[in-house]
Amino acid sequence: MYTYLYDTKIGKISITEDMDELTGLSFFADIPEGSKIKETSLLAEAIRQLTEYLNGKRTVFDLPLNPKGTPFQRKVWQVLTTTPYGETFTYSEGAEAIGNAKACRARGMAKK
């Protein structure tokens, strides 16, 4: 498992990969336990695509994803992948999209 820290226009982040799949991104620049700090070709590609996105030059990512999280977090993240570029939705709308309208507070906590 490898993690690398990046300074971006939205702050410092860390991106983690494990076995050629991206497993985490943290806006708090967390380094998962057992992870080595090293920029791999996959991590470099991830930050390249993220930078393009932040600069308005990319709307779709083409990266192997396998985020680590609870089943609830994974449901929330799946909904996020269906949000069209440039659009937003509320925590309540996100909770409804995963079939649990009462989960809006928990949905807000499903960060990664």
PDB file of N, CA and C in Angstrom:
ATOM      1  N   MET A   1       0.857  -1.168   0.000  1.00  0.00           N
ATOM      2  CA  MET A   1       0.000   0.000   0.000  1.00  0.00           C
ATOM      3  C   MET A   1       0.902   1.230   0.000  1.00  0.00           C
ATOM      4  N   TYR A   2       0.555   2.201  -0.865  1.00  0.00           N
ATOM      5  CA  TYR A   2       1.333   3.418  -0.993  1.00  0.00           C
ATOM      6  C   TYR A   2       0.419   4.645  -0.880  1.00  0.00           C
ATOM      7  N   THR A   3       0.932   5.677  -0.255  1.00  0.00           N
ATOM      8  CA  THR A   3       0.220   6.945  -0.103  1.00  0.00           C
ATOM      9  C   THR A   3       1.177   8.068  -0.465  1.00  0.00           C
ATOM     10  N   TYR A   4       0.621   9.099  -1.099  1.00  0.00           N
ATOM     11  CA  TYR A   4       1.438  10.264  -1.392  1.00  0.00           C
ATOM     12  C   TYR A   4       0.634  11.513  -1.076  1.00  0.00           C
ATOM     13  N   LEU A   5       1.338  12.547  -0.619  1.00  0.00           N
ATOM     14  CA  LEU A   5       0.708  13.809  -0.224  1.00  0.00           C
ATOM     15  C   LEU A   5       0.860  14.829  -1.341  1.00  0.00           C
ATOM     16  N   TYR A   6      -0.211  15.569  -1.579  1.00  0.00           N
ATOM     17  CA  TYR A   6      -0.211  16.569  -2.642  1.00  0.00           C
ATOM     18  C   TYR A   6      -0.799  17.878  -2.131  1.00  0.00           C
ATOM     19  N   ASP A   7      -0.255  18.988  -2.614  1.00  0.00           N
ATOM     20  CA  ASP A   7      -0.846  20.300  -2.398  1.00  0.00           C
ATOM     21  C   ASP A   7      -1.690  20.601  -3.626  1.00  0.00           C
ATOM     22  N   THR A   8      -2.963  20.900  -3.412  1.00  0.00           N
ATOM     23  CA  THR A   8      -3.863  21.215  -4.516  1.00  0.00           C
ATOM     24  C   THR A   8      -4.504  22.570  -4.267  1.00  0.00           C
ATOM     25  N   LYS A   9      -5.248  23.049  -5.246  1.00  0.00           N
ATOM     26  CA  LYS A   9      -5.919  24.342  -5.080  1.00  0.00           C
ATOM     27  C   LYS A   9      -7.047  24.274  -4.058  1.00  0.00           C
ATOM     28  N   ILE A  10      -7.435  23.063  -3.614  1.00  0.00           N
ATOM     29  CA  ILE A  10      -8.455  22.922  -2.575  1.00  0.00           C
ATOM     30  C   ILE A  10      -7.846  22.462  -1.253  1.00  0.00           C
ATOM     31  N   GLY A  11      -6.529  22.475  -1.170  1.00  0.00           N
ATOM     32  CA  GLY A  11      -5.847  22.117   0.068  1.00  0.00           C
ATOM     33  C   GLY A  11      -4.987  20.882  -0.077  1.00  0.00           C
ATOM     34  N   LYS A  12      -4.361  20.506   1.026  1.00  0.00           N
ATOM     35  CA  LYS A  12      -3.482  19.342   1.051  1.00  0.00           C
ATOM     36  C   LYS A  12      -4.336  18.071   1.100  1.00  0.00           C
ATOM     37  N   ILE A  13      -3.995  17.108   0.261  1.00  0.00           N
ATOM     38  CA  ILE A  13      -4.703  15.825   0.247  1.00  0.00           C
ATOM     39  C   ILE A  13      -3.688  14.689   0.227  1.00  0.00           C
ATOM     40  N   SER A  14      -4.157  13.521   0.610  1.00  0.00           N
ATOM     41  CA  SER A  14      -3.374  12.310   0.416  1.00  0.00           C
ATOM     42  C   SER A  14      -4.209  11.364  -0.440  1.00  0.00           C
ATOM     43  N   ILE A  15      -3.525  10.628  -1.297  1.00  0.00           N
ATOM     44  CA  ILE A  15      -4.180   9.621  -2.128  1.00  0.00           C
ATOM     45  C   ILE A  15      -3.464   8.306  -1.845  1.00  0.00           C
ATOM     46  N   THR A  16      -4.255   7.244  -1.671  1.00  0.00           N
ATOM     47  CA  THR A  16      -3.701   5.930  -1.327  1.00  0.00           C
ATOM     48  C   THR A  16      -4.090   4.908  -2.376  1.00  0.00           C
ATOM     49  N   GLU A  17      -3.155   4.019  -2.667  1.00  0.00           N
ATOM     50  CA  GLU A  17      -3.423   2.890  -3.561  1.00  0.00           C
ATOM     51  C   GLU A  17      -2.978   1.609  -2.897  1.00  0.00           C
ATOM     52  N   ASP A  18      -3.650   0.545  -3.271  1.00  0.00           N
ATOM     53  CA  ASP A  18      -3.293  -0.784  -2.797  1.00  0.00           C
ATOM     54  C   ASP A  18      -3.549  -1.756  -3.934  1.00  0.00           C
ATOM     55  N   MET A  19      -2.536  -2.476  -4.322  1.00  0.00           N
ATOM     56  CA  MET A  19      -2.631  -3.482  -5.384  1.00  0.00           C
ATOM     57  C   MET A  19      -3.219  -2.903  -6.674  1.00  0.00           C
ATOM     58  N   ASP A  20      -2.674  -1.768  -7.104  1.00  0.00           N
ATOM     59  CA  ASP A  20      -3.025  -1.125  -8.370  1.00  0.00           C
ATOM     60  C   ASP A  20      -4.464  -0.618  -8.443  1.00  0.00           C
ATOM     61  N   GLU A  21      -5.055  -0.300  -7.286  1.00  0.00           N
ATOM     62  CA  GLU A  21      -6.372   0.319  -7.226  1.00  0.00           C
ATOM     63  C   GLU A  21      -6.321   1.469  -6.226  1.00  0.00           C
ATOM     64  N   LEU A  22      -7.014   2.548  -6.528  1.00  0.00           N
ATOM     65  CA  LEU A  22      -7.092   3.650  -5.583  1.00  0.00           C
ATOM     66  C   LEU A  22      -8.060   3.271  -4.472  1.00  0.00           C
ATOM     67  N   THR A  23      -7.594   3.387  -3.240  1.00  0.00           N
ATOM     68  CA  THR A  23      -8.405   2.955  -2.101  1.00  0.00           C
ATOM     69  C   THR A  23      -8.800   4.092  -1.180  1.00  0.00           C
ATOM     70  N   GLY A  24      -8.217   5.277  -1.348  1.00  0.00           N
ATOM     71  CA  GLY A  24      -8.589   6.369  -0.467  1.00  0.00           C
ATOM     72  C   GLY A  24      -8.054   7.707  -0.916  1.00  0.00           C
ATOM     73  N   LEU A  25      -8.788   8.737  -0.542  1.00  0.00           N
ATOM     74  CA  LEU A  25      -8.379  10.112  -0.740  1.00  0.00           C
ATOM     75  C   LEU A  25      -8.827  10.856   0.500  1.00  0.00           C
ATOM     76  N   SER A  26      -7.924  11.606   1.092  1.00  0.00           N
ATOM     77  CA  SER A  26      -8.255  12.321   2.321  1.00  0.00           C
ATOM     78  C   SER A  26      -7.883  13.785   2.191  1.00  0.00           C
ATOM     79  N   PHE A  27      -8.824  14.643   2.554  1.00  0.00           N
ATOM     80  CA  PHE A  27      -8.550  16.073   2.567  1.00  0.00           C
ATOM     81  C   PHE A  27      -7.787  16.470   3.817  1.00  0.00           C
ATOM     82  N   PHE A  28      -7.594  15.540   4.720  1.00  0.00           N
ATOM     83  CA  PHE A  28      -6.850  15.803   5.947  1.00  0.00           C
ATOM     84  C   PHE A  28      -5.434  15.258   5.843  1.00  0.00           C
ATOM     85  N   ALA A  29      -5.068  14.811   4.637  1.00  0.00           N
ATOM     86  CA  ALA A  29      -3.740  14.287   4.349  1.00  0.00           C
ATOM     87  C   ALA A  29      -3.354  13.166   5.303  1.00  0.00           C
ATOM     88  N   ASP A  30      -4.331  12.296   5.587  1.00  0.00           N
ATOM     89  CA  ASP A  30      -4.079  11.135   6.440  1.00  0.00           C
ATOM     90  C   ASP A  30      -3.228  10.112   5.706  1.00  0.00           C
ATOM     91  N   ILE A  31      -2.396   9.438   6.464  1.00  0.00           N
ATOM     92  CA  ILE A  31      -1.611   8.332   5.922  1.00  0.00           C
ATOM     93  C   ILE A  31      -2.068   7.075   6.646  1.00  0.00           C
ATOM     94  N   PRO A  32      -2.698   6.145   5.920  1.00  0.00           N
ATOM     95  CA  PRO A  32      -3.189   4.936   6.574  1.00  0.00           C
ATOM     96  C   PRO A  32      -2.059   4.138   7.219  1.00  0.00           C
ATOM     97  N   GLU A  33      -2.376   3.505   8.319  1.00  0.00           N
ATOM     98  CA  GLU A  33      -1.392   2.673   9.017  1.00  0.00           C
ATOM     99  C   GLU A  33      -0.876   1.594   8.074  1.00  0.00           C
ATOM    100  N   GLY A  34       0.422   1.427   8.041  1.00  0.00           N
ATOM    101  CA  GLY A  34       1.049   0.408   7.200  1.00  0.00           C
ATOM    102  C   GLY A  34       1.343   0.865   5.787  1.00  0.00           C
ATOM    103  N   SER A  35       0.958   2.083   5.450  1.00  0.00           N
ATOM    104  CA  SER A  35       1.188   2.590   4.109  1.00  0.00           C
ATOM    105  C   SER A  35       2.583   3.209   4.013  1.00  0.00           C
ATOM    106  N   LYS A  36       3.227   3.010   2.872  1.00  0.00           N
ATOM    107  CA  LYS A  36       4.521   3.633   2.607  1.00  0.00           C
ATOM    108  C   LYS A  36       4.288   4.915   1.829  1.00  0.00           C
ATOM    109  N   ILE A  37       5.042   5.949   2.155  1.00  0.00           N
ATOM    110  CA  ILE A  37       4.927   7.216   1.434  1.00  0.00           C
ATOM    111  C   ILE A  37       5.797   7.120   0.185  1.00  0.00           C
ATOM    112  N   LYS A  38       5.119   7.009  -0.953  1.00  0.00           N
ATOM    113  CA  LYS A  38       5.813   6.877  -2.234  1.00  0.00           C
ATOM    114  C   LYS A  38       4.835   7.238  -3.345  1.00  0.00           C
ATOM    115  N   GLU A  39       5.285   8.036  -4.285  1.00  0.00           N
ATOM    116  CA  GLU A  39       4.440   8.345  -5.433  1.00  0.00           C
ATOM    117  C   GLU A  39       4.630   7.275  -6.495  1.00  0.00           C
ATOM    118  N   THR A  40       3.575   6.546  -6.777  1.00  0.00           N
ATOM    119  CA  THR A  40       3.591   5.515  -7.820  1.00  0.00           C
ATOM    120  C   THR A  40       3.039   6.120  -9.111  1.00  0.00           C
ATOM    121  N   SER A  41       3.134   5.373 -10.192  1.00  0.00           N
ATOM    122  CA  SER A  41       2.586   5.871 -11.460  1.00  0.00           C
ATOM    123  C   SER A  41       1.066   6.038 -11.366  1.00  0.00           C
ATOM    124  N   LEU A  42       0.380   5.158 -10.634  1.00  0.00           N
ATOM    125  CA  LEU A  42      -1.067   5.293 -10.473  1.00  0.00           C
ATOM    126  C   LEU A  42      -1.412   6.541  -9.661  1.00  0.00           C
ATOM    127  N   LEU A  43      -0.692   6.796  -8.595  1.00  0.00           N
ATOM    128  CA  LEU A  43      -0.952   7.994  -7.795  1.00  0.00           C
ATOM    129  C   LEU A  43      -0.665   9.258  -8.602  1.00  0.00           C
ATOM    130  N   ALA A  44       0.382   9.242  -9.406  1.00  0.00           N
ATOM    131  CA  ALA A  44       0.699  10.390 -10.263  1.00  0.00           C
ATOM    132  C   ALA A  44      -0.416  10.616 -11.285  1.00  0.00           C
ATOM    133  N   GLU A  45      -0.963   9.548 -11.828  1.00  0.00           N
ATOM    134  CA  GLU A  45      -2.074   9.675 -12.778  1.00  0.00           C
ATOM    135  C   GLU A  45      -3.325  10.197 -12.076  1.00  0.00           C
ATOM    136  N   ALA A  46      -3.560   9.746 -10.860  1.00  0.00           N
ATOM    137  CA  ALA A  46      -4.726  10.208 -10.101  1.00  0.00           C
ATOM    138  C   ALA A  46      -4.640  11.713  -9.846  1.00  0.00           C
ATOM    139  N   ILE A  47      -3.494  12.204  -9.432  1.00  0.00           N
ATOM    140  CA  ILE A  47      -3.380  13.639  -9.158  1.00  0.00           C
ATOM    141  C   ILE A  47      -3.439  14.433 -10.462  1.00  0.00           C
ATOM    142  N   ARG A  48      -2.934  13.868 -11.542  1.00  0.00           N
ATOM    143  CA  ARG A  48      -3.027  14.549 -12.845  1.00  0.00           C
ATOM    144  C   ARG A  48      -4.495  14.728 -13.233  1.00  0.00           C
ATOM    145  N   GLN A  49      -5.276  13.651 -13.108  1.00  0.00           N
ATOM    146  CA  GLN A  49      -6.692  13.736 -13.464  1.00  0.00           C
ATOM    147  C   GLN A  49      -7.454  14.659 -12.511  1.00  0.00           C
ATOM    148  N   LEU A  50      -7.133  14.599 -11.231  1.00  0.00           N
ATOM    149  CA  LEU A  50      -7.791  15.469 -10.259  1.00  0.00           C
ATOM    150  C   LEU A  50      -7.472  16.938 -10.548  1.00  0.00           C
ATOM    151  N   THR A  51      -6.226  17.229 -10.885  1.00  0.00           N
ATOM    152  CA  THR A  51      -5.830  18.595 -11.214  1.00  0.00           C
ATOM    153  C   THR A  51      -6.584  19.083 -12.455  1.00  0.00           C
ATOM    154  N   GLU A  52      -6.700  18.229 -13.466  1.00  0.00           N
ATOM    155  CA  GLU A  52      -7.468  18.591 -14.656  1.00  0.00           C
ATOM    156  C   GLU A  52      -8.926  18.888 -14.292  1.00  0.00           C
ATOM    157  N   TYR A  53      -9.495  18.075 -13.421  1.00  0.00           N
ATOM    158  CA  TYR A  53     -10.868  18.286 -12.967  1.00  0.00           C
ATOM    159  C   TYR A  53     -11.006  19.634 -12.262  1.00  0.00           C
ATOM    160  N   LEU A  54     -10.107  19.911 -11.349  1.00  0.00           N
ATOM    161  CA  LEU A  54     -10.155  21.166 -10.595  1.00  0.00           C
ATOM    162  C   LEU A  54      -9.945  22.385 -11.487  1.00  0.00           C
ATOM    163  N   ASN A  55      -9.264  22.194 -12.607  1.00  0.00           N
ATOM    164  CA  ASN A  55      -9.030  23.283 -13.555  1.00  0.00           C
ATOM    165  C   ASN A  55     -10.113  23.352 -14.631  1.00  0.00           C
ATOM    166  N   GLY A  56     -11.164  22.535 -14.498  1.00  0.00           N
ATOM    167  CA  GLY A  56     -12.272  22.553 -15.445  1.00  0.00           C
ATOM    168  C   GLY A  56     -11.975  21.906 -16.781  1.00  0.00           C
ATOM    169  N   LYS A  57     -10.929  21.079 -16.852  1.00  0.00           N
ATOM    170  CA  LYS A  57     -10.546  20.451 -18.111  1.00  0.00           C
ATOM    171  C   LYS A  57     -10.913  18.974 -18.180  1.00  0.00           C
ATOM    172  N   ARG A  58     -11.509  18.437 -17.136  1.00  0.00           N
ATOM    173  CA  ARG A  58     -11.902  17.025 -17.101  1.00  0.00           C
ATOM    174  C   ARG A  58     -13.238  16.925 -16.382  1.00  0.00           C
ATOM    175  N   THR A  59     -14.111  16.078 -16.916  1.00  0.00           N
ATOM    176  CA  THR A  59     -15.406  15.867 -16.263  1.00  0.00           C
ATOM    177  C   THR A  59     -15.620  14.418 -15.859  1.00  0.00           C
ATOM    178  N   VAL A  60     -14.783  13.530 -16.361  1.00  0.00           N
ATOM    179  CA  VAL A  60     -14.905  12.098 -16.074  1.00  0.00           C
ATOM    180  C   VAL A  60     -13.529  11.567 -15.696  1.00  0.00           C
ATOM    181  N   PHE A  61     -13.489  10.720 -14.672  1.00  0.00           N
ATOM    182  CA  PHE A  61     -12.232  10.097 -14.252  1.00  0.00           C
ATOM    183  C   PHE A  61     -12.139   8.696 -14.841  1.00  0.00           C
ATOM    184  N   ASP A  62     -10.919   8.298 -15.152  1.00  0.00           N
ATOM    185  CA  ASP A  62     -10.658   6.968 -15.690  1.00  0.00           C
ATOM    186  C   ASP A  62      -9.568   6.337 -14.828  1.00  0.00           C
ATOM    187  N   LEU A  63      -9.969   5.855 -13.645  1.00  0.00           N
ATOM    188  CA  LEU A  63      -9.020   5.303 -12.674  1.00  0.00           C
ATOM    189  C   LEU A  63      -9.618   4.054 -12.033  1.00  0.00           C
ATOM    190  N   PRO A  64      -8.777   3.085 -11.688  1.00  0.00           N
ATOM    191  CA  PRO A  64      -9.276   1.893 -10.989  1.00  0.00           C
ATOM    192  C   PRO A  64      -9.555   2.212  -9.519  1.00  0.00           C
ATOM    193  N   LEU A  65     -10.823   2.138  -9.121  1.00  0.00           N
ATOM    194  CA  LEU A  65     -11.220   2.506  -7.764  1.00  0.00           C
ATOM    195  C   LEU A  65     -11.648   1.287  -6.960  1.00  0.00           C
ATOM    196  N   ASN A  66     -11.246   1.267  -5.720  1.00  0.00           N
ATOM    197  CA  ASN A  66     -11.698   0.255  -4.758  1.00  0.00           C
ATOM    198  C   ASN A  66     -11.646   0.901  -3.373  1.00  0.00           C
ATOM    199  N   PRO A  67     -12.538   1.898  -3.141  1.00  0.00           N
ATOM    200  CA  PRO A  67     -12.465   2.635  -1.883  1.00  0.00           C
ATOM    201  C   PRO A  67     -12.742   1.753  -0.676  1.00  0.00           C
ATOM    202  N   LYS A  68     -11.998   2.008   0.380  1.00  0.00           N
ATOM    203  CA  LYS A  68     -12.170   1.272   1.628  1.00  0.00           C
ATOM    204  C   LYS A  68     -13.145   2.026   2.511  1.00  0.00           C
ATOM    205  N   GLY A  69     -14.188   1.351   2.964  1.00  0.00           N
ATOM    206  CA  GLY A  69     -15.172   1.984   3.825  1.00  0.00           C
ATOM    207  C   GLY A  69     -16.247   0.997   4.222  1.00  0.00           C
ATOM    208  N   THR A  70     -17.150   1.468   5.041  1.00  0.00           N
ATOM    209  CA  THR A  70     -18.268   0.640   5.494  1.00  0.00           C
ATOM    210  C   THR A  70     -19.233   0.428   4.324  1.00  0.00           C
ATOM    211  N   PRO A  71     -20.120  -0.550   4.437  1.00  0.00           N
ATOM    212  CA  PRO A  71     -21.127  -0.727   3.384  1.00  0.00           C
ATOM    213  C   PRO A  71     -21.948   0.553   3.153  1.00  0.00           C
ATOM    214  N   PHE A  72     -22.276   1.273   4.231  1.00  0.00           N
ATOM    215  CA  PHE A  72     -23.021   2.524   4.086  1.00  0.00           C
ATOM    216  C   PHE A  72     -22.214   3.554   3.303  1.00  0.00           C
ATOM    217  N   GLN A  73     -20.946   3.729   3.667  1.00  0.00           N
ATOM    218  CA  GLN A  73     -20.099   4.688   2.956  1.00  0.00           C
ATOM    219  C   GLN A  73     -20.000   4.322   1.486  1.00  0.00           C
ATOM    220  N   ARG A  74     -19.860   3.047   1.183  1.00  0.00           N
ATOM    221  CA  ARG A  74     -19.741   2.606  -0.208  1.00  0.00           C
ATOM    222  C   ARG A  74     -21.010   2.934  -1.000  1.00  0.00           C
ATOM    223  N   LYS A  75     -22.180   2.804  -0.378  1.00  0.00           N
ATOM    224  CA  LYS A  75     -23.436   3.188  -1.039  1.00  0.00           C
ATOM    225  C   LYS A  75     -23.437   4.676  -1.357  1.00  0.00           C
ATOM    226  N   VAL A  76     -23.016   5.476  -0.388  1.00  0.00           N
ATOM    227  CA  VAL A  76     -22.983   6.927  -0.586  1.00  0.00           C
ATOM    228  C   VAL A  76     -22.024   7.282  -1.706  1.00  0.00           C
ATOM    229  N   TRP A  77     -20.851   6.704  -1.702  1.00  0.00           N
ATOM    230  CA  TRP A  77     -19.870   7.005  -2.739  1.00  0.00           C
ATOM    231  C   TRP A  77     -20.380   6.599  -4.113  1.00  0.00           C
ATOM    232  N   GLN A  78     -21.107   5.493  -4.180  1.00  0.00           N
ATOM    233  CA  GLN A  78     -21.665   5.054  -5.458  1.00  0.00           C
ATOM    234  C   GLN A  78     -22.643   6.100  -5.989  1.00  0.00           C
ATOM    235  N   VAL A  79     -23.475   6.664  -5.105  1.00  0.00           N
ATOM    236  CA  VAL A  79     -24.396   7.718  -5.511  1.00  0.00           C
ATOM    237  C   VAL A  79     -23.620   8.934  -6.009  1.00  0.00           C
ATOM    238  N   LEU A  80     -22.537   9.270  -5.330  1.00  0.00           N
ATOM    239  CA  LEU A  80     -21.737  10.423  -5.757  1.00  0.00           C
ATOM    240  C   LEU A  80     -21.211  10.261  -7.174  1.00  0.00           C
ATOM    241  N   THR A  81     -20.907   9.037  -7.577  1.00  0.00           N
ATOM    242  CA  THR A  81     -20.379   8.812  -8.930  1.00  0.00           C
ATOM    243  C   THR A  81     -21.434   9.059 -10.001  1.00  0.00           C
ATOM    244  N   THR A  82     -22.703   9.127  -9.615  1.00  0.00           N
ATOM    245  CA  THR A  82     -23.770   9.361 -10.595  1.00  0.00           C
ATOM    246  C   THR A  82     -24.154  10.833 -10.692  1.00  0.00           C
ATOM    247  N   THR A  83     -23.542  11.675  -9.868  1.00  0.00           N
ATOM    248  CA  THR A  83     -23.854  13.105  -9.889  1.00  0.00           C
ATOM    249  C   THR A  83     -23.184  13.737 -11.106  1.00  0.00           C
ATOM    250  N   PRO A  84     -23.964  14.346 -11.993  1.00  0.00           N
ATOM    251  CA  PRO A  84     -23.367  14.965 -13.184  1.00  0.00           C
ATOM    252  C   PRO A  84     -22.378  16.079 -12.826  1.00  0.00           C
ATOM    253  N   TYR A  85     -21.410  16.258 -13.690  1.00  0.00           N
ATOM    254  CA  TYR A  85     -20.387  17.286 -13.513  1.00  0.00           C
ATOM    255  C   TYR A  85     -21.044  18.645 -13.303  1.00  0.00           C
ATOM    256  N   GLY A  86     -20.575  19.357 -12.283  1.00  0.00           N
ATOM    257  CA  GLY A  86     -21.051  20.698 -12.012  1.00  0.00           C
ATOM    258  C   GLY A  86     -22.348  20.774 -11.224  1.00  0.00           C
ATOM    259  N   GLU A  87     -22.958  19.635 -10.931  1.00  0.00           N
ATOM    260  CA  GLU A  87     -24.198  19.637 -10.164  1.00  0.00           C
ATOM    261  C   GLU A  87     -23.926  19.242  -8.721  1.00  0.00           C
ATOM    262  N   THR A  88     -24.816  19.663  -7.854  1.00  0.00           N
ATOM    263  CA  THR A  88     -24.719  19.318  -6.442  1.00  0.00           C
ATOM    264  C   THR A  88     -26.071  18.783  -5.983  1.00  0.00           C
ATOM    265  N   PHE A  89     -26.053  18.155  -4.816  1.00  0.00           N
ATOM    266  CA  PHE A  89     -27.312  17.774  -4.186  1.00  0.00           C
ATOM    267  C   PHE A  89     -27.124  17.810  -2.684  1.00  0.00           C
ATOM    268  N   THR A  90     -28.232  17.912  -1.979  1.00  0.00           N
ATOM    269  CA  THR A  90     -28.170  18.029  -0.525  1.00  0.00           C
ATOM    270  C   THR A  90     -27.948  16.667   0.113  1.00  0.00           C
ATOM    271  N   TYR A  91     -27.576  16.675   1.386  1.00  0.00           N
ATOM    272  CA  TYR A  91     -27.451  15.422   2.120  1.00  0.00           C
ATOM    273  C   TYR A  91     -28.775  14.678   2.127  1.00  0.00           C
ATOM    274  N   SER A  92     -29.878  15.409   2.239  1.00  0.00           N
ATOM    275  CA  SER A  92     -31.195  14.766   2.226  1.00  0.00           C
ATOM    276  C   SER A  92     -31.452  14.066   0.896  1.00  0.00           C
ATOM    277  N   GLU A  93     -31.116  14.726  -0.210  1.00  0.00           N
ATOM    278  CA  GLU A  93     -31.297  14.114  -1.526  1.00  0.00           C
ATOM    279  C   GLU A  93     -30.396  12.889  -1.676  1.00  0.00           C
ATOM    280  N   GLY A  94     -29.185  12.971  -1.154  1.00  0.00           N
ATOM    281  CA  GLY A  94     -28.276  11.825  -1.209  1.00  0.00           C
ATOM    282  C   GLY A  94     -28.792  10.666  -0.385  1.00  0.00           C
ATOM    283  N   ALA A  95     -29.334  10.959   0.793  1.00  0.00           N
ATOM    284  CA  ALA A  95     -29.887   9.906   1.649  1.00  0.00           C
ATOM    285  C   ALA A  95     -31.070   9.235   0.965  1.00  0.00           C
ATOM    286  N   GLU A  96     -31.913  10.020   0.308  1.00  0.00           N
ATOM    287  CA  GLU A  96     -33.038   9.444  -0.432  1.00  0.00           C
ATOM    288  C   GLU A  96     -32.546   8.566  -1.571  1.00  0.00           C
ATOM    289  N   ALA A  97     -31.468   8.980  -2.233  1.00  0.00           N
ATOM    290  CA  ALA A  97     -30.934   8.217  -3.367  1.00  0.00           C
ATOM    291  C   ALA A  97     -30.408   6.844  -2.958  1.00  0.00           C
ATOM    292  N   ILE A  98     -29.985   6.702  -1.692  1.00  0.00           N
ATOM    293  CA  ILE A  98     -29.516   5.384  -1.244  1.00  0.00           C
ATOM    294  C   ILE A  98     -30.632   4.609  -0.563  1.00  0.00           C
ATOM    295  N   GLY A  99     -31.847   5.174  -0.600  1.00  0.00           N
ATOM    296  CA  GLY A  99     -32.999   4.456  -0.075  1.00  0.00           C
ATOM    297  C   GLY A  99     -33.219   4.596   1.413  1.00  0.00           C
ATOM    298  N   ASN A 100     -32.639   5.626   2.022  1.00  0.00           N
ATOM    299  CA  ASN A 100     -32.801   5.826   3.459  1.00  0.00           C
ATOM    300  C   ASN A 100     -32.883   7.324   3.742  1.00  0.00           C
ATOM    301  N   ALA A 101     -34.083   7.884   3.572  1.00  0.00           N
ATOM    302  CA  ALA A 101     -34.276   9.328   3.707  1.00  0.00           C
ATOM    303  C   ALA A 101     -33.893   9.852   5.084  1.00  0.00           C
ATOM    304  N   LYS A 102     -33.877   8.998   6.095  1.00  0.00           N
ATOM    305  CA  LYS A 102     -33.546   9.439   7.451  1.00  0.00           C
ATOM    306  C   LYS A 102     -32.039   9.422   7.720  1.00  0.00           C
ATOM    307  N   ALA A 103     -31.263   9.050   6.736  1.00  0.00           N
ATOM    308  CA  ALA A 103     -29.816   8.913   6.932  1.00  0.00           C
ATOM    309  C   ALA A 103     -29.039  10.154   6.510  1.00  0.00           C
ATOM    310  N   CYS A 104     -29.687  11.309   6.430  1.00  0.00           N
ATOM    311  CA  CYS A 104     -28.987  12.474   5.884  1.00  0.00           C
ATOM    312  C   CYS A 104     -27.795  12.901   6.739  1.00  0.00           C
ATOM    313  N   ARG A 105     -27.882  12.777   8.060  1.00  0.00           N
ATOM    314  CA  ARG A 105     -26.719  13.131   8.888  1.00  0.00           C
ATOM    315  C   ARG A 105     -25.588  12.151   8.677  1.00  0.00           C
ATOM    316  N   ALA A 106     -25.908  10.865   8.657  1.00  0.00           N
ATOM    317  CA  ALA A 106     -24.873   9.852   8.433  1.00  0.00           C
ATOM    318  C   ALA A 106     -24.274   9.999   7.045  1.00  0.00           C
ATOM    319  N   ARG A 107     -25.084  10.358   6.064  1.00  0.00           N
ATOM    320  CA  ARG A 107     -24.589  10.528   4.709  1.00  0.00           C
ATOM    321  C   ARG A 107     -23.561  11.645   4.677  1.00  0.00           C
ATOM    322  N   GLY A 108     -23.799  12.693   5.445  1.00  0.00           N
ATOM    323  CA  GLY A 108     -22.860  13.795   5.518  1.00  0.00           C
ATOM    324  C   GLY A 108     -21.535  13.405   6.130  1.00  0.00           C
ATOM    325  N   MET A 109     -21.525  12.379   6.951  1.00  0.00           N
ATOM    326  CA  MET A 109     -20.314  11.923   7.606  1.00  0.00           C
ATOM    327  C   MET A 109     -19.558  10.883   6.781  1.00  0.00           C
ATOM    328  N   ALA A 110     -20.108  10.449   5.665  1.00  0.00           N
ATOM    329  CA  ALA A 110     -19.490   9.408   4.832  1.00  0.00           C
ATOM    330  C   ALA A 110     -18.398  10.013   3.976  1.00  0.00           C
ATOM    331  N   LYS A 111     -17.383  10.539   4.595  1.00  0.00           N
ATOM    332  CA  LYS A 111     -16.279  11.183   3.907  1.00  0.00           C
ATOM    333  C   LYS A 111     -15.197  10.177   3.591  1.00  0.00           C
ATOM    334  N   LYS A 112     -14.379  10.533   2.675  1.00  0.00           N
ATOM    335  CA  LYS A 112     -13.191   9.741   2.380  1.00  0.00           C
ATOM    336  C   LYS A 112     -12.362  10.488   1.409  1.00  0.00           C
TER     337      LYS A 112
END
